[in-house]
Amino acid sequence: MLMIRLQRTGRKHEPTFRVVLTDSKNGPKSGKYLKNLGWYDTRLKNDAVKQLDLPEIKKFMANGAKLSLTLHNFLISQKVIEGKKLNALPKRTVQKKEAVAEKAAEKKEVVAEKKEEVAEKAATTPESTDSEKVPAAK
């Protein structure tokens, strides 16, 4: 499946991106792409859409190429395509209060068991007396 995505170029702390058509199996950092569809410099806010080949992008989308989530959201914010923005951040599961309370209770039980084991070991080992510690005088 073909995919239109951003490919980072540019120096450290100065990001620029190529908008490329690539196979979805190629990673974004592989450098392999089929066609360069423009570029995007994050520091140039006003001319963001002028560097993209919009008719070409729309043609590939019509033929079945998918957009990456970031590029999809960017094109929506620039009013090139219509639709809702999609969440591009990784999914985060929210822990329920009950689950958190259960985990805390389990930890307390484990700590209590370990304390009991230490106390049992201390009780079973014979304690040395002071007379044993002092060597006999000759």
Protein backbone atom coordinates (compact mmCIF):
# COMPACT_ATOMS: atom_id res chain seq x y z
CA MET A 1 0.00 0.00 0.00
CA LEU A 2 1.28 3.45 -0.85
CA MET A 3 1.55 6.09 1.82
CA ILE A 4 2.13 9.82 1.79
CA ARG A 5 4.15 10.87 4.81
CA LEU A 6 6.66 13.35 6.12
CA GLN A 7 10.35 12.47 5.97
CA ARG A 8 12.59 14.53 8.22
CA THR A 9 15.52 16.33 6.69
CA GLY A 10 17.51 19.29 7.88
CA ARG A 11 20.01 19.86 10.61
CA LYS A 12 19.77 19.34 14.33
CA HIS A 13 17.22 21.71 15.90
CA GLU A 14 16.29 22.97 12.41
CA PRO A 15 13.71 20.47 11.16
CA THR A 16 12.51 20.49 7.60
CA PHE A 17 10.43 17.75 6.07
CA ARG A 18 9.96 16.20 2.65
CA VAL A 19 6.46 15.13 1.72
CA VAL A 20 7.05 11.80 0.00
CA LEU A 21 5.08 8.99 -1.58
CA THR A 22 6.48 5.70 -0.33
CA ASP A 23 5.56 2.09 0.29
CA SER A 24 3.99 1.70 3.72
CA LYS A 25 6.53 -1.03 4.57
CA ASN A 26 9.43 1.42 4.25
CA GLY A 27 10.19 3.11 7.52
CA PRO A 28 10.14 6.91 7.74
CA LYS A 29 13.89 6.99 8.37
CA SER A 30 14.86 4.57 5.60
CA GLY A 31 15.26 7.34 3.01
CA LYS A 32 13.47 5.30 0.34
CA TYR A 33 10.61 6.93 -1.49
CA LEU A 34 8.93 6.74 -4.88
CA LYS A 35 8.18 10.40 -5.46
CA ASN A 36 8.91 13.70 -3.74
CA LEU A 37 5.66 15.67 -3.43
CA GLY A 38 7.06 18.81 -1.85
CA TRP A 39 8.61 20.01 1.34
CA TYR A 40 7.58 21.66 4.60
CA ASP A 41 9.68 23.90 6.80
CA THR A 42 8.24 24.29 10.30
CA ARG A 43 9.86 27.70 10.70
CA LEU A 44 8.05 29.17 7.66
CA LYS A 45 4.45 29.34 8.88
CA ASN A 46 3.00 31.55 6.11
CA ASP A 47 4.23 29.65 3.05
CA ALA A 48 3.56 26.14 4.36
CA VAL A 49 1.22 25.03 1.57
CA LYS A 50 3.04 26.73 -1.33
CA GLN A 51 5.85 24.16 -1.32
CA LEU A 52 3.51 21.17 -1.63
CA ASP A 53 2.40 19.68 -4.95
CA LEU A 54 -1.29 19.65 -3.98
CA PRO A 55 -2.75 18.39 -7.28
CA GLU A 56 -0.31 15.48 -7.21
CA ILE A 57 -1.12 14.70 -3.56
CA LYS A 58 -4.86 14.74 -4.28
CA LYS A 59 -4.34 12.51 -7.35
CA PHE A 60 -2.48 9.88 -5.32
CA MET A 61 -5.10 10.07 -2.56
CA ALA A 62 -7.83 9.48 -5.15
CA ASN A 63 -5.93 6.43 -6.41
CA GLY A 64 -5.79 4.89 -2.92
CA ALA A 65 -2.67 6.25 -1.22
CA LYS A 66 -3.13 6.79 2.53
CA LEU A 67 -1.93 9.85 4.44
CA SER A 68 0.05 9.59 7.64
CA LEU A 69 -1.84 10.92 10.66
CA THR A 70 0.46 13.92 11.03
CA LEU A 71 0.21 14.91 7.38
CA HIS A 72 -3.57 14.35 7.45
CA ASN A 73 -3.90 16.74 10.41
CA PHE A 74 -1.57 19.26 8.75
CA LEU A 75 -3.57 19.30 5.51
CA ILE A 76 -6.81 19.74 7.48
CA SER A 77 -5.36 22.66 9.45
CA GLN A 78 -4.24 24.27 6.16
CA LYS A 79 -7.77 23.71 4.76
CA VAL A 80 -6.50 21.63 1.83
CA ILE A 81 -8.77 18.69 2.69
CA GLU A 82 -11.88 18.49 4.82
CA GLY A 83 -12.47 16.23 7.78
CA LYS A 84 -11.74 15.78 11.44
CA LYS A 85 -8.27 15.78 12.89
CA LEU A 86 -7.10 12.38 14.11
CA ASN A 87 -5.14 11.63 17.27
CA ALA A 88 -1.53 11.04 16.18
CA LEU A 89 -0.22 10.51 19.71
CA PRO A 90 0.18 7.00 21.11
CA LYS A 91 -2.79 5.64 23.02
CA ARG A 92 -2.55 5.86 26.77
CA THR A 93 -4.65 3.68 29.01
CA VAL A 94 -6.14 5.37 32.04
CA GLN A 95 -5.86 3.27 35.16
CA LYS A 96 -9.02 2.85 37.18
CA LYS A 97 -8.97 3.75 40.85
CA GLU A 98 -10.00 0.21 41.80
CA ALA A 99 -7.08 -1.33 39.93
CA VAL A 100 -4.64 1.09 41.53
CA ALA A 101 -6.03 0.30 45.00
CA GLU A 102 -5.73 -3.47 44.35
CA LYS A 103 -2.10 -3.12 43.27
CA ALA A 104 -1.29 -1.07 46.37
CA ALA A 105 -2.94 -3.70 48.61
CA GLU A 106 -0.94 -6.48 46.91
CA LYS A 107 2.30 -4.58 47.48
CA LYS A 108 1.47 -4.12 51.15
CA GLU A 109 0.80 -7.86 51.51
CA VAL A 110 4.12 -8.75 49.89
CA VAL A 111 5.99 -6.35 52.17
CA ALA A 112 4.24 -7.78 55.24
CA GLU A 113 5.14 -11.36 54.20
CA LYS A 114 8.79 -10.42 53.74
CA LYS A 115 8.88 -8.80 57.17
CA GLU A 116 7.43 -11.98 58.71
CA GLU A 117 10.07 -14.12 56.96
CA VAL A 118 12.86 -11.91 58.28
CA ALA A 119 11.40 -12.08 61.80
CA GLU A 120 11.16 -15.91 61.62
CA LYS A 121 14.78 -16.21 60.47
CA ALA A 122 15.93 -13.98 63.28
CA ALA A 123 13.98 -16.06 65.83
CA THR A 124 15.34 -19.42 64.59
CA THR A 125 19.01 -18.43 64.54
CA PRO A 126 20.64 -18.73 67.98
CA GLU A 127 21.66 -15.45 69.44
CA SER A 128 25.18 -15.31 70.78
CA THR A 129 25.73 -14.32 74.37
CA ASP A 130 28.29 -11.91 75.71
CA SER A 131 30.34 -14.73 77.29
CA GLU A 132 30.86 -16.34 73.90
CA LYS A 133 32.09 -13.10 72.39
CA VAL A 134 34.80 -12.52 75.03
CA PRO A 135 37.80 -14.83 74.63
CA ALA A 136 38.84 -16.80 77.72
CA ALA A 137 41.77 -15.27 79.62
CA LYS A 138 44.83 -17.50 80.19
